Structures are given as C-alpha cells and as structure tokens.
PDB file of N, CA and C in Angstrom:
ATOM      1  N   MET A   1       1.955  73.571  90.023  1.00  0.00           N
ATOM      2  CA  MET A   1       1.979  72.184  90.389  1.00  0.00           C
ATOM      3  C   MET A   1       2.003  71.386  91.456  1.00  0.00           C
ATOM      4  N   ASN A   2       1.915  69.662  90.698  1.00  0.00           N
ATOM      5  CA  ASN A   2       1.120  68.701  91.378  1.00  0.00           C
ATOM      6  C   ASN A   2       2.518  69.120  93.262  1.00  0.00           C
ATOM      7  N   LYS A   3       1.667  68.758  94.353  1.00  0.00           N
ATOM      8  CA  LYS A   3       2.189  68.886  95.071  1.00  0.00           C
ATOM      9  C   LYS A   3       2.152  67.772  95.451  1.00  0.00           C
ATOM     10  N   GLY A   4       1.199  66.144  95.219  1.00  0.00           N
ATOM     11  CA  GLY A   4       1.537  65.174  96.269  1.00  0.00           C
ATOM     12  C   GLY A   4       1.860  64.302  94.816  1.00  0.00           C
ATOM     13  N   VAL A   5       2.344  62.902  95.590  1.00  0.00           N
ATOM     14  CA  VAL A   5       2.889  61.897  95.064  1.00  0.00           C
ATOM     15  C   VAL A   5       1.572  61.366  94.167  1.00  0.00           C
ATOM     16  N   ILE A   6       2.549  61.346  92.597  1.00  0.00           N
ATOM     17  CA  ILE A   6       0.991  61.145  91.094  1.00  0.00           C
ATOM     18  C   ILE A   6       1.417  59.035  91.976  1.00  0.00           C
ATOM     19  N   THR A   7       1.029  58.462  91.336  1.00  0.00           N
ATOM     20  CA  THR A   7       1.035  56.979  91.542  1.00  0.00           C
ATOM     21  C   THR A   7       0.322  56.436  89.547  1.00  0.00           C
ATOM     22  N   ILE A   8       1.319  55.673  89.822  1.00  0.00           N
ATOM     23  CA  ILE A   8       1.760  55.387  88.594  1.00  0.00           C
ATOM     24  C   ILE A   8       1.571  54.088  88.195  1.00  0.00           C
ATOM     25  N   THR A   9       1.374  53.389  86.794  1.00  0.00           N
ATOM     26  CA  THR A   9       1.792  52.151  85.961  1.00  0.00           C
ATOM     27  C   THR A   9       3.070  51.894  85.214  1.00  0.00           C
ATOM     28  N   ASP A  10       3.178  50.764  85.051  1.00  0.00           N
ATOM     29  CA  ASP A  10       4.052  50.777  84.022  1.00  0.00           C
ATOM     30  C   ASP A  10       4.137  51.236  82.695  1.00  0.00           C
ATOM     31  N   ALA A  11       2.710  51.039  82.293  1.00  0.00           N
ATOM     32  CA  ALA A  11       1.629  52.068  80.849  1.00  0.00           C
ATOM     33  C   ALA A  11       2.180  53.877  81.743  1.00  0.00           C
ATOM     34  N   GLU A  12       2.268  54.037  82.074  1.00  0.00           N
ATOM     35  CA  GLU A  12       2.819  55.386  82.523  1.00  0.00           C
ATOM     36  C   GLU A  12       4.526  56.171  82.348  1.00  0.00           C
ATOM     37  N   PHE A  13       4.868  55.224  82.646  1.00  0.00           N
ATOM     38  CA  PHE A  13       6.443  55.461  83.151  1.00  0.00           C
ATOM     39  C   PHE A  13       7.879  55.710  82.009  1.00  0.00           C
ATOM     40  N   GLU A  14       7.401  55.459  80.884  1.00  0.00           N
ATOM     41  CA  GLU A  14       7.713  56.808  79.746  1.00  0.00           C
ATOM     42  C   GLU A  14       6.836  58.547  80.065  1.00  0.00           C
ATOM     43  N   THR A  15       5.771  58.202  79.806  1.00  0.00           N
ATOM     44  CA  THR A  15       5.168  59.776  80.371  1.00  0.00           C
ATOM     45  C   THR A  15       4.794  60.268  80.885  1.00  0.00           C
ATOM     46  N   GLU A  16       5.597  59.918  81.870  1.00  0.00           N
ATOM     47  CA  GLU A  16       5.273  60.065  83.602  1.00  0.00           C
ATOM     48  C   GLU A  16       7.288  60.300  83.804  1.00  0.00           C
ATOM     49  N   VAL A  17       8.008  59.806  83.929  1.00  0.00           N
ATOM     50  CA  VAL A  17       9.094  59.804  84.325  1.00  0.00           C
ATOM     51  C   VAL A  17       9.737  60.053  83.157  1.00  0.00           C
ATOM     52  N   LEU A  18       9.992  59.151  82.413  1.00  0.00           N
ATOM     53  CA  LEU A  18      11.489  59.667  81.266  1.00  0.00           C
ATOM     54  C   LEU A  18      10.771  60.746  80.630  1.00  0.00           C
ATOM     55  N   GLN A  19       9.809  60.452  79.927  1.00  0.00           N
ATOM     56  CA  GLN A  19      10.274  62.082  79.275  1.00  0.00           C
ATOM     57  C   GLN A  19       9.399  63.527  80.104  1.00  0.00           C
ATOM     58  N   SER A  20       9.259  63.192  80.845  1.00  0.00           N
ATOM     59  CA  SER A  20       8.967  64.289  82.180  1.00  0.00           C
ATOM     60  C   SER A  20      10.303  65.573  81.874  1.00  0.00           C
ATOM     61  N   GLU A  21      10.513  67.068  81.975  1.00  0.00           N
ATOM     62  CA  GLU A  21      10.978  67.746  82.194  1.00  0.00           C
ATOM     63  C   GLU A  21      11.673  68.706  84.216  1.00  0.00           C
ATOM     64  N   GLN A  22      10.435  68.084  84.555  1.00  0.00           N
ATOM     65  CA  GLN A  22      11.878  67.551  85.833  1.00  0.00           C
ATOM     66  C   GLN A  22      12.660  66.120  86.237  1.00  0.00           C
ATOM     67  N   PRO A  23      13.101  67.125  86.560  1.00  0.00           N
ATOM     68  CA  PRO A  23      14.312  65.180  87.959  1.00  0.00           C
ATOM     69  C   PRO A  23      12.574  64.338  88.608  1.00  0.00           C
ATOM     70  N   VAL A  24      13.717  63.122  88.818  1.00  0.00           N
ATOM     71  CA  VAL A  24      12.230  62.612  89.411  1.00  0.00           C
ATOM     72  C   VAL A  24      11.839  60.945  89.726  1.00  0.00           C
ATOM     73  N   LEU A  25      11.304  61.829  91.135  1.00  0.00           N
ATOM     74  CA  LEU A  25      11.816  60.390  92.373  1.00  0.00           C
ATOM     75  C   LEU A  25      11.127  58.868  92.226  1.00  0.00           C
ATOM     76  N   VAL A  26      11.591  57.561  92.646  1.00  0.00           N
ATOM     77  CA  VAL A  26      10.444  56.472  91.601  1.00  0.00           C
ATOM     78  C   VAL A  26      10.642  56.459  92.803  1.00  0.00           C
ATOM     79  N   TYR A  27       9.458  56.068  93.516  1.00  0.00           N
ATOM     80  CA  TYR A  27       8.985  55.141  94.823  1.00  0.00           C
ATOM     81  C   TYR A  27       8.408  53.936  94.749  1.00  0.00           C
ATOM     82  N   PHE A  28       9.382  52.810  94.906  1.00  0.00           N
ATOM     83  CA  PHE A  28       8.686  51.414  94.513  1.00  0.00           C
ATOM     84  C   PHE A  28       8.442  51.230  95.862  1.00  0.00           C
ATOM     85  N   TRP A  29       7.334  50.575  96.366  1.00  0.00           N
ATOM     86  CA  TRP A  29       6.292  50.622  97.393  1.00  0.00           C
ATOM     87  C   TRP A  29       5.568  48.780  97.161  1.00  0.00           C
ATOM     88  N   ALA A  30       5.266  48.349  98.219  1.00  0.00           N
ATOM     89  CA  ALA A  30       4.533  47.109  97.672  1.00  0.00           C
ATOM     90  C   ALA A  30       3.744  47.184  99.243  1.00  0.00           C
ATOM     91  N   SER A  31       2.097  47.200  98.809  1.00  0.00           N
ATOM     92  CA  SER A  31       1.522  47.311 100.850  1.00  0.00           C
ATOM     93  C   SER A  31       1.255  45.781 101.652  1.00  0.00           C
ATOM     94  N   TRP A  32       2.057  44.489 101.147  1.00  0.00           N
ATOM     95  CA  TRP A  32       2.413  44.327 101.929  1.00  0.00           C
ATOM     96  C   TRP A  32       4.035  44.313 103.183  1.00  0.00           C
ATOM     97  N   CYS A  33       4.287  45.277 102.547  1.00  0.00           N
ATOM     98  CA  CYS A  33       6.368  45.665 102.515  1.00  0.00           C
ATOM     99  C   CYS A  33       5.731  46.921 104.466  1.00  0.00           C
ATOM    100  N   GLY A  34       6.234  46.279 105.339  1.00  0.00           N
ATOM    101  CA  GLY A  34       6.513  47.116 106.600  1.00  0.00           C
ATOM    102  C   GLY A  34       7.352  48.496 106.001  1.00  0.00           C
ATOM    103  N   PRO A  35       7.819  48.480 106.262  1.00  0.00           N
ATOM    104  CA  PRO A  35       8.601  49.235 106.045  1.00  0.00           C
ATOM    105  C   PRO A  35       7.759  50.308 104.870  1.00  0.00           C
ATOM    106  N   CYS A  36       7.245  50.157 104.292  1.00  0.00           N
ATOM    107  CA  CYS A  36       6.774  50.918 103.390  1.00  0.00           C
ATOM    108  C   CYS A  36       6.569  51.541 103.708  1.00  0.00           C
ATOM    109  N   GLN A  37       4.914  50.990 105.018  1.00  0.00           N
ATOM    110  CA  GLN A  37       4.633  52.119 105.445  1.00  0.00           C
ATOM    111  C   GLN A  37       5.271  52.774 106.164  1.00  0.00           C
ATOM    112  N   LEU A  38       6.251  53.067 106.538  1.00  0.00           N
ATOM    113  CA  LEU A  38       7.377  54.180 107.697  1.00  0.00           C
ATOM    114  C   LEU A  38       7.681  55.142 107.143  1.00  0.00           C
ATOM    115  N   MET A  39       7.993  55.033 105.033  1.00  0.00           N
ATOM    116  CA  MET A  39       8.903  55.841 103.989  1.00  0.00           C
ATOM    117  C   MET A  39       7.553  56.630 103.945  1.00  0.00           C
ATOM    118  N   SER A  40       6.478  56.549 103.659  1.00  0.00           N
ATOM    119  CA  SER A  40       5.041  57.138 102.527  1.00  0.00           C
ATOM    120  C   SER A  40       5.391  58.549 103.027  1.00  0.00           C
ATOM    121  N   PRO A  41       5.200  58.707 104.685  1.00  0.00           N
ATOM    122  CA  PRO A  41       5.180  60.013 105.065  1.00  0.00           C
ATOM    123  C   PRO A  41       6.652  60.897 104.786  1.00  0.00           C
ATOM    124  N   VAL A  42       7.739  60.017 104.613  1.00  0.00           N
ATOM    125  CA  VAL A  42       8.575  60.955 105.150  1.00  0.00           C
ATOM    126  C   VAL A  42       8.487  61.584 102.621  1.00  0.00           C
ATOM    127  N   ILE A  43       7.949  60.199 102.215  1.00  0.00           N
ATOM    128  CA  ILE A  43       8.212  60.687 100.621  1.00  0.00           C
ATOM    129  C   ILE A  43       6.809  61.858 100.477  1.00  0.00           C
ATOM    130  N   ASN A  44       6.121  61.958 100.777  1.00  0.00           N
ATOM    131  CA  ASN A  44       5.083  63.197 101.396  1.00  0.00           C
ATOM    132  C   ASN A  44       5.591  64.385 101.636  1.00  0.00           C
ATOM    133  N   LEU A  45       6.030  64.467 102.745  1.00  0.00           N
ATOM    134  CA  LEU A  45       6.905  65.518 103.158  1.00  0.00           C
ATOM    135  C   LEU A  45       7.783  66.113 101.673  1.00  0.00           C
ATOM    136  N   ALA A  46       8.849  65.381 101.470  1.00  0.00           N
ATOM    137  CA  ALA A  46       9.549  66.072 100.312  1.00  0.00           C
ATOM    138  C   ALA A  46       8.516  66.463  98.541  1.00  0.00           C
ATOM    139  N   ALA A  47       7.231  65.023  98.141  1.00  0.00           N
ATOM    140  CA  ALA A  47       6.790  65.700  97.692  1.00  0.00           C
ATOM    141  C   ALA A  47       6.460  67.699  97.929  1.00  0.00           C
ATOM    142  N   THR A  48       6.436  68.232  98.825  1.00  0.00           N
ATOM    143  CA  THR A  48       5.391  69.104  99.218  1.00  0.00           C
ATOM    144  C   THR A  48       6.498  70.179  99.310  1.00  0.00           C
ATOM    145  N   THR A  49       7.541  70.053  99.782  1.00  0.00           N
ATOM    146  CA  THR A  49       9.148  70.335  99.636  1.00  0.00           C
ATOM    147  C   THR A  49       9.378  70.661  98.449  1.00  0.00           C
ATOM    148  N   TYR A  50      10.057  70.715  97.650  1.00  0.00           N
ATOM    149  CA  TYR A  50      10.145  69.796  96.782  1.00  0.00           C
ATOM    150  C   TYR A  50       9.301  70.584  95.430  1.00  0.00           C
ATOM    151  N   SER A  51       8.421  70.576  95.448  1.00  0.00           N
ATOM    152  CA  SER A  51       7.157  70.020  93.795  1.00  0.00           C
ATOM    153  C   SER A  51       7.101  71.133  93.243  1.00  0.00           C
ATOM    154  N   ASP A  52       7.911  72.095  93.463  1.00  0.00           N
ATOM    155  CA  ASP A  52       8.990  73.024  92.390  1.00  0.00           C
ATOM    156  C   ASP A  52       9.976  72.503  91.495  1.00  0.00           C
ATOM    157  N   ARG A  53      10.467  71.066  92.433  1.00  0.00           N
ATOM    158  CA  ARG A  53      11.810  71.069  91.444  1.00  0.00           C
ATOM    159  C   ARG A  53      11.774  69.898  90.863  1.00  0.00           C
ATOM    160  N   LEU A  54      10.200  69.286  91.201  1.00  0.00           N
ATOM    161  CA  LEU A  54      10.595  67.466  91.963  1.00  0.00           C
ATOM    162  C   LEU A  54      10.010  67.030  91.798  1.00  0.00           C
ATOM    163  N   LYS A  55       9.556  65.241  90.686  1.00  0.00           N
ATOM    164  CA  LYS A  55       8.034  65.321  90.382  1.00  0.00           C
ATOM    165  C   LYS A  55       8.235  64.239  90.738  1.00  0.00           C
ATOM    166  N   ILE A  56       7.049  63.032  92.180  1.00  0.00           N
ATOM    167  CA  ILE A  56       8.003  61.782  92.869  1.00  0.00           C
ATOM    168  C   ILE A  56       6.258  60.920  92.008  1.00  0.00           C
ATOM    169  N   VAL A  57       7.267  59.772  91.957  1.00  0.00           N
ATOM    170  CA  VAL A  57       5.592  59.448  91.550  1.00  0.00           C
ATOM    171  C   VAL A  57       5.892  57.892  92.400  1.00  0.00           C
ATOM    172  N   LYS A  58       4.665  57.175  92.495  1.00  0.00           N
ATOM    173  CA  LYS A  58       5.491  55.470  93.356  1.00  0.00           C
ATOM    174  C   LYS A  58       4.224  54.788  92.264  1.00  0.00           C
ATOM    175  N   MET A  59       5.239  53.796  92.784  1.00  0.00           N
ATOM    176  CA  MET A  59       4.211  52.913  91.934  1.00  0.00           C
ATOM    177  C   MET A  59       4.934  50.642  92.430  1.00  0.00           C
ATOM    178  N   GLU A  60       3.850  50.764  93.013  1.00  0.00           N
ATOM    179  CA  GLU A  60       2.708  49.714  93.691  1.00  0.00           C
ATOM    180  C   GLU A  60       4.399  48.154  92.795  1.00  0.00           C
ATOM    181  N   ALA A  61       5.008  47.231  93.561  1.00  0.00           N
ATOM    182  CA  ALA A  61       6.074  47.036  92.375  1.00  0.00           C
ATOM    183  C   ALA A  61       5.632  45.408  91.640  1.00  0.00           C
ATOM    184  N   ASP A  62       4.602  45.234  92.847  1.00  0.00           N
ATOM    185  CA  ASP A  62       4.602  43.658  92.096  1.00  0.00           C
ATOM    186  C   ASP A  62       3.305  43.498  91.282  1.00  0.00           C
ATOM    187  N   PRO A  63       2.141  44.521  90.422  1.00  0.00           N
ATOM    188  CA  PRO A  63       2.454  44.735  90.033  1.00  0.00           C
ATOM    189  C   PRO A  63       2.632  45.542  89.032  1.00  0.00           C
ATOM    190  N   ASN A  64       3.852  46.104  88.144  1.00  0.00           N
ATOM    191  CA  ASN A  64       4.124  46.848  87.612  1.00  0.00           C
ATOM    192  C   ASN A  64       6.110  46.169  87.596  1.00  0.00           C
ATOM    193  N   PRO A  65       6.222  44.932  86.933  1.00  0.00           N
ATOM    194  CA  PRO A  65       7.122  44.107  86.551  1.00  0.00           C
ATOM    195  C   PRO A  65       8.219  45.136  85.566  1.00  0.00           C
ATOM    196  N   VAL A  66       7.411  45.803  85.174  1.00  0.00           N
ATOM    197  CA  VAL A  66       8.249  46.433  84.111  1.00  0.00           C
ATOM    198  C   VAL A  66       9.653  47.152  84.389  1.00  0.00           C
ATOM    199  N   ALA A  67       9.552  48.381  85.030  1.00  0.00           N
ATOM    200  CA  ALA A  67       9.573  48.906  85.832  1.00  0.00           C
ATOM    201  C   ALA A  67      11.515  48.563  86.880  1.00  0.00           C
ATOM    202  N   VAL A  68      10.075  47.456  87.436  1.00  0.00           N
ATOM    203  CA  VAL A  68      11.096  46.638  88.389  1.00  0.00           C
ATOM    204  C   VAL A  68      12.481  46.831  87.688  1.00  0.00           C
ATOM    205  N   LYS A  69      11.732  46.031  86.618  1.00  0.00           N
ATOM    206  CA  LYS A  69      13.734  44.396  86.209  1.00  0.00           C
ATOM    207  C   LYS A  69      14.432  46.133  85.526  1.00  0.00           C
ATOM    208  N   GLN A  70      13.304  47.073  85.153  1.00  0.00           N
ATOM    209  CA  GLN A  70      14.166  47.622  84.164  1.00  0.00           C
ATOM    210  C   GLN A  70      15.372  48.628  85.322  1.00  0.00           C
ATOM    211  N   TYR A  71      14.705  48.988  86.263  1.00  0.00           N
ATOM    212  CA  TYR A  71      15.362  49.136  87.861  1.00  0.00           C
ATOM    213  C   TYR A  71      15.985  48.454  88.865  1.00  0.00           C
ATOM    214  N   GLN A  72      16.085  47.531  88.344  1.00  0.00           N
ATOM    215  CA  GLN A  72      17.133  46.226  89.201  1.00  0.00           C
ATOM    216  C   GLN A  72      16.107  46.575  90.055  1.00  0.00           C
ATOM    217  N   VAL A  73      14.973  47.208  90.597  1.00  0.00           N
ATOM    218  CA  VAL A  73      14.990  47.119  92.524  1.00  0.00           C
ATOM    219  C   VAL A  73      14.943  45.064  92.382  1.00  0.00           C
ATOM    220  N   GLU A  74      15.451  45.454  94.089  1.00  0.00           N
ATOM    221  CA  GLU A  74      15.456  44.268  94.656  1.00  0.00           C
ATOM    222  C   GLU A  74      15.526  44.069  95.860  1.00  0.00           C
ATOM    223  N   GLY A  75      15.068  45.639  96.920  1.00  0.00           N
ATOM    224  CA  GLY A  75      14.561  45.216  97.888  1.00  0.00           C
ATOM    225  C   GLY A  75      14.078  46.250  97.802  1.00  0.00           C
ATOM    226  N   LEU A  76      12.383  46.794  98.555  1.00  0.00           N
ATOM    227  CA  LEU A  76      11.957  47.396  99.253  1.00  0.00           C
ATOM    228  C   LEU A  76      12.028  47.404 100.624  1.00  0.00           C
ATOM    229  N   PRO A  77      11.605  49.469 101.073  1.00  0.00           N
ATOM    230  CA  PRO A  77      10.590  50.453  99.536  1.00  0.00           C
ATOM    231  C   PRO A  77      12.493  51.015  99.052  1.00  0.00           C
ATOM    232  N   ALA A  78      12.361  50.869  97.838  1.00  0.00           N
ATOM    233  CA  ALA A  78      13.779  51.921  97.026  1.00  0.00           C
ATOM    234  C   ALA A  78      12.942  53.049  95.948  1.00  0.00           C
ATOM    235  N   LEU A  79      13.787  53.447  96.708  1.00  0.00           N
ATOM    236  CA  LEU A  79      13.858  54.807  95.481  1.00  0.00           C
ATOM    237  C   LEU A  79      15.329  55.311  94.094  1.00  0.00           C
ATOM    238  N   ARG A  80      14.417  55.909  93.251  1.00  0.00           N
ATOM    239  CA  ARG A  80      15.997  55.996  92.342  1.00  0.00           C
ATOM    240  C   ARG A  80      15.234  56.815  91.477  1.00  0.00           C
ATOM    241  N   LEU A  81      16.338  58.035  91.314  1.00  0.00           N
ATOM    242  CA  LEU A  81      15.945  59.836  90.843  1.00  0.00           C
ATOM    243  C   LEU A  81      16.299  59.546  89.386  1.00  0.00           C
ATOM    244  N   ILE A  82      15.393  59.769  88.628  1.00  0.00           N
ATOM    245  CA  ILE A  82      15.716  59.789  87.229  1.00  0.00           C
ATOM    246  C   ILE A  82      15.516  61.484  86.712  1.00  0.00           C
ATOM    247  N   LYS A  83      17.078  61.997  85.481  1.00  0.00           N
ATOM    248  CA  LYS A  83      16.439  62.822  85.267  1.00  0.00           C
ATOM    249  C   LYS A  83      16.966  62.407  83.977  1.00  0.00           C
ATOM    250  N   ASP A  84      16.269  63.049  82.470  1.00  0.00           N
ATOM    251  CA  ASP A  84      16.574  63.335  81.509  1.00  0.00           C
ATOM    252  C   ASP A  84      16.766  62.022  80.563  1.00  0.00           C
ATOM    253  N   ASN A  85      16.122  60.790  81.766  1.00  0.00           N
ATOM    254  CA  ASN A  85      16.502  59.467  81.034  1.00  0.00           C
ATOM    255  C   ASN A  85      17.284  59.129  81.488  1.00  0.00           C
ATOM    256  N   GLN A  86      18.175  59.727  81.884  1.00  0.00           N
ATOM    257  CA  GLN A  86      19.788  58.844  82.918  1.00  0.00           C
ATOM    258  C   GLN A  86      18.931  58.816  84.942  1.00  0.00           C
ATOM    259  N   LEU A  87      19.305  57.405  84.633  1.00  0.00           N
ATOM    260  CA  LEU A  87      19.311  57.386  86.494  1.00  0.00           C
ATOM    261  C   LEU A  87      19.798  58.839  86.614  1.00  0.00           C
ATOM    262  N   LEU A  88      20.204  58.852  87.504  1.00  0.00           N
ATOM    263  CA  LEU A  88      20.895  59.128  89.294  1.00  0.00           C
ATOM    264  C   LEU A  88      22.142  58.783  90.453  1.00  0.00           C
ATOM    265  N   GLU A  89      20.982  58.291  90.469  1.00  0.00           N
ATOM    266  CA  GLU A  89      20.805  57.757  91.971  1.00  0.00           C
ATOM    267  C   GLU A  89      19.815  56.569  92.605  1.00  0.00           C
ATOM    268  N   SER A  90      20.118  55.369  93.318  1.00  0.00           N
ATOM    269  CA  SER A  90      19.195  54.612  93.798  1.00  0.00           C
ATOM    270  C   SER A  90      19.626  54.214  95.358  1.00  0.00           C
ATOM    271  N   ILE A  91      18.809  53.884  95.802  1.00  0.00           N
ATOM    272  CA  ILE A  91      18.231  53.727  97.504  1.00  0.00           C
ATOM    273  C   ILE A  91      18.010  52.828  96.875  1.00  0.00           C
ATOM    274  N   GLU A  92      17.541  51.896  98.625  1.00  0.00           N
ATOM    275  CA  GLU A  92      17.182  50.528  98.512  1.00  0.00           C
ATOM    276  C   GLU A  92      16.428  50.108 100.371  1.00  0.00           C
ATOM    277  N   GLY A  93      15.471  50.583 100.774  1.00  0.00           N
ATOM    278  CA  GLY A  93      15.908  50.625 101.754  1.00  0.00           C
ATOM    279  C   GLY A  93      14.677  51.582 103.244  1.00  0.00           C
ATOM    280  N   VAL A  94      14.600  51.463 104.321  1.00  0.00           N
ATOM    281  CA  VAL A  94      13.920  52.898 105.102  1.00  0.00           C
ATOM    282  C   VAL A  94      15.321  53.653 105.028  1.00  0.00           C
ATOM    283  N   ILE A  95      14.825  55.004 104.590  1.00  0.00           N
ATOM    284  CA  ILE A  95      15.954  55.798 104.988  1.00  0.00           C
ATOM    285  C   ILE A  95      14.974  57.428 105.457  1.00  0.00           C
ATOM    286  N   GLY A  96      15.793  58.084 106.434  1.00  0.00           N
ATOM    287  CA  GLY A  96      15.505  58.960 107.398  1.00  0.00           C
ATOM    288  C   GLY A  96      14.761  60.401 106.490  1.00  0.00           C
ATOM    289  N   LYS A  97      14.290  61.342 107.414  1.00  0.00           N
ATOM    290  CA  LYS A  97      13.851  62.395 106.845  1.00  0.00           C
ATOM    291  C   LYS A  97      14.935  62.789 106.643  1.00  0.00           C
ATOM    292  N   ASP A  98      16.002  63.318 107.408  1.00  0.00           N
ATOM    293  CA  ASP A  98      17.196  64.168 107.453  1.00  0.00           C
ATOM    294  C   ASP A  98      18.165  63.123 105.260  1.00  0.00           C
ATOM    295  N   LYS A  99      18.336  62.069 105.447  1.00  0.00           N
ATOM    296  CA  LYS A  99      18.982  61.263 104.582  1.00  0.00           C
ATOM    297  C   LYS A  99      18.701  61.991 103.596  1.00  0.00           C
ATOM    298  N   LEU A 100      17.212  61.570 103.275  1.00  0.00           N
ATOM    299  CA  LEU A 100      16.144  61.673 101.892  1.00  0.00           C
ATOM    300  C   LEU A 100      15.980  63.487 101.240  1.00  0.00           C
ATOM    301  N   LEU A 101      16.352  63.879 102.288  1.00  0.00           N
ATOM    302  CA  LEU A 101      16.737  65.988 101.953  1.00  0.00           C
ATOM    303  C   LEU A 101      17.778  65.910 101.243  1.00  0.00           C
ATOM    304  N   SER A 102      18.563  65.504 101.956  1.00  0.00           N
ATOM    305  CA  SER A 102      19.861  65.425 102.234  1.00  0.00           C
ATOM    306  C   SER A 102      19.679  65.032 100.449  1.00  0.00           C
ATOM    307  N   PHE A 103      20.027  63.840 100.381  1.00  0.00           N
ATOM    308  CA  PHE A 103      19.787  63.117  99.073  1.00  0.00           C
ATOM    309  C   PHE A 103      19.086  64.036  97.772  1.00  0.00           C
ATOM    310  N   LEU A 104      18.017  64.363  97.920  1.00  0.00           N
ATOM    311  CA  LEU A 104      17.447  65.205  97.466  1.00  0.00           C
ATOM    312  C   LEU A 104      18.404  66.777  96.805  1.00  0.00           C
ATOM    313  N   GLU A 105      18.874  67.020  98.743  1.00  0.00           N
ATOM    314  CA  GLU A 105      18.690  68.293  97.411  1.00  0.00           C
ATOM    315  C   GLU A 105      20.583  68.149  97.242  1.00  0.00           C
ATOM    316  N   LYS A 106      21.423  67.296  96.808  1.00  0.00           N
ATOM    317  CA  LYS A 106      22.490  66.966  96.559  1.00  0.00           C
ATOM    318  C   LYS A 106      22.118  67.606  95.106  1.00  0.00           C
ATOM    319  N   HIS A 107      21.382  66.195  94.460  1.00  0.00           N
ATOM    320  CA  HIS A 107      20.892  66.565  93.231  1.00  0.00           C
ATOM    321  C   HIS A 107      20.499  67.410  92.334  1.00  0.00           C
ATOM    322  N   LEU A 108      18.798  68.315  93.198  1.00  0.00           N
ATOM    323  CA  LEU A 108      18.782  68.807  93.448  1.00  0.00           C
ATOM    324  C   LEU A 108      19.135  70.716  92.664  1.00  0.00           C
ATOM    325  N   ASN A 109      20.337  70.657  93.411  1.00  0.00           N
ATOM    326  CA  ASN A 109      21.028  71.927  94.304  1.00  0.00           C
ATOM    327  C   ASN A 109      21.756  71.687  92.455  1.00  0.00           C
ATOM    328  N   ASN A 110      21.998  70.686  91.666  1.00  0.00           N
ATOM    329  CA  ASN A 110      23.051  70.284  90.757  1.00  0.00           C
ATOM    330  C   ASN A 110      21.999  71.632  89.573  1.00  0.00           C
ATOM    331  N   ASN A 111      21.168  71.603  89.096  1.00  0.00           N
ATOM    332  CA  ASN A 111      20.500  71.782  88.336  1.00  0.00           C
ATOM    333  C   ASN A 111      20.553  73.686  88.161  1.00  0.00           C
TER     334      ASN A 111
END
C-alpha cells in the first residue's frame, strides 16, 4: 500500500479517485498559495497515519480545471473526501493536524 501522497491530474482523476476501492482525500493546492505550504506536512502525516484505510491525492488547482470546477473549489487549500464516487465532505482553508485527523476519523470509522 502506498504510504505517500500521490500527485494526479484531471486525466487521472477518474481512475485514481472515482474508481478507488478506498475513500480518497483530494488535496487541491497551488505553488503560489502560502497557506498550502502550511498544509503539506499535515497532509503527509495523514497519508502515513491512514495509509491502510485511505488514499490521499494532491492536485495542483491551476492546471486541473475540470476537477476544480466539478468539486466547486473556490479557495485554496481545499480538501474533498470522496468515497464510492460520492462527495462525503468538503473543507476549504488551512486546518490544523488535530482537526484534519478528527475529520478523517469521523468518516473512516464508519467503514
């Protein structure tokens, strides 16, 4: 099982996210986004912590307008939790480690 964050594009979204057997946390970011730099270590921690139950992918927002539009990303960083082709929950803006882990626990413990 991959313990890291997988970088994907619009072209890979269906295969990596919508057809995944595990829930997927999609992390939308941009290189020019200061708050995104703060989120990256927290996202990496979540990828390591939940690698057995969750796939985490990151998408740079600017070159991937299809997923950005489809999931109504209006601010960065943005998180979308998707399972079985359904959007379970959305978060926009920086969140701390504790909030991210409790957000994931809430959804992953329902499996």
